[in-house]
Amino acid sequence: MCLACEQSDMEMRWEMINIISLGKLPDGHTADDLRAMGLPVPGELFRETQADGSILIRQRSPQEIAALNNKSFECDSPK
């Protein structure tokens, strides 16, 4: 792959990671597509704002992901 193609591929992957960190699937892609590309799916990434205003994108640990998936539903509507 030439340097320009490699740069373009890296920029596309960064844009996809940015979208995924917002909890959305990139347009035209499925969770299986993301897994095939070695990317996380929505919910596995989160954004963290630092004191200086910069934003970090972090990946949840497998234990955090399992805990989120096993979370039971609780109705919060008034009775």
Protein backbone atom coordinates (compact mmCIF):
# COMPACT_ATOMS: atom_id res chain seq x y z
CA MET A 1 0.00 0.00 0.00
CA CYS A 2 1.38 3.40 -0.92
CA LEU A 3 1.87 6.09 1.72
CA ALA A 4 -1.11 8.16 0.50
CA CYS A 5 -3.43 5.12 0.62
CA GLU A 6 -2.15 4.19 4.07
CA GLN A 7 -2.75 7.76 5.31
CA SER A 8 -6.27 7.73 3.87
CA ASP A 9 -7.01 4.38 5.53
CA MET A 10 -5.77 5.64 8.91
CA GLU A 11 -7.91 8.80 8.62
CA MET A 12 -11.00 6.71 7.75
CA ARG A 13 -10.40 4.43 10.76
CA TRP A 14 -9.98 7.47 13.05
CA GLU A 15 -13.28 8.96 11.82
CA MET A 16 -14.99 5.63 12.45
CA ILE A 17 -13.54 5.41 15.97
CA ASN A 18 -14.73 8.96 16.63
CA ILE A 19 -18.29 8.02 15.56
CA ILE A 20 -18.19 4.76 17.56
CA SER A 21 -17.09 6.67 20.69
CA LEU A 22 -20.33 8.67 20.41
CA GLY A 23 -22.29 5.40 20.66
CA LYS A 24 -23.28 5.28 16.99
CA LEU A 25 -22.60 2.87 14.14
CA PRO A 26 -20.84 4.50 11.18
CA ASP A 27 -23.19 4.85 8.19
CA GLY A 28 -23.17 1.80 5.94
CA HIS A 29 -21.47 -0.47 8.48
CA THR A 30 -22.72 -3.21 10.79
CA ALA A 31 -21.23 -4.49 14.04
CA ASP A 32 -19.92 -7.50 12.10
CA ASP A 33 -18.18 -5.14 9.63
CA LEU A 34 -16.48 -3.32 12.50
CA ARG A 35 -15.35 -6.57 14.10
CA ALA A 36 -13.93 -7.76 10.75
CA MET A 37 -11.90 -4.53 10.55
CA GLY A 38 -10.62 -5.01 14.10
CA LEU A 39 -12.61 -2.06 15.46
CA PRO A 40 -14.73 -1.95 18.61
CA VAL A 41 -18.52 -1.66 18.44
CA PRO A 42 -20.56 1.16 20.02
CA GLY A 43 -20.60 0.83 23.80
CA GLU A 44 -17.05 -0.48 23.98
CA LEU A 45 -15.56 3.02 23.75
CA PHE A 46 -16.25 6.08 25.86
CA ARG A 47 -15.15 9.71 25.87
CA GLU A 48 -13.42 11.31 28.82
CA THR A 49 -12.98 15.08 29.06
CA GLN A 50 -9.80 16.20 30.77
CA ALA A 51 -9.38 19.30 32.95
CA ASP A 52 -7.66 21.14 30.09
CA GLY A 53 -10.64 20.50 27.78
CA SER A 54 -9.04 17.78 25.70
CA ILE A 55 -11.08 14.67 24.99
CA LEU A 56 -9.70 11.16 25.38
CA ILE A 57 -11.33 8.17 23.73
CA ARG A 58 -10.90 5.09 25.89
CA GLN A 59 -11.86 1.46 25.43
CA ARG A 60 -13.79 -0.34 28.15
CA SER A 61 -12.26 -3.45 29.68
CA PRO A 62 -13.87 -6.83 28.92
CA GLN A 63 -15.11 -6.92 32.55
CA GLU A 64 -16.84 -3.51 32.16
CA ILE A 65 -18.46 -4.62 28.89
CA ALA A 66 -19.71 -7.85 30.49
CA ALA A 67 -21.11 -5.90 33.46
CA LEU A 68 -22.95 -3.52 31.11
CA ASN A 69 -24.40 -6.41 29.10
CA ASN A 70 -25.59 -8.23 32.25
CA LYS A 71 -27.22 -5.16 33.77
CA SER A 72 -30.84 -5.93 34.50
CA PHE A 73 -33.63 -3.61 33.41
CA GLU A 74 -35.18 -1.42 36.08
CA CYS A 75 -38.30 0.59 35.33
CA ASP A 76 -37.90 4.18 36.47
CA SER A 77 -41.42 5.39 35.73
CA PRO A 78 -43.54 6.55 38.67
CA LYS A 79 -46.08 3.98 39.88
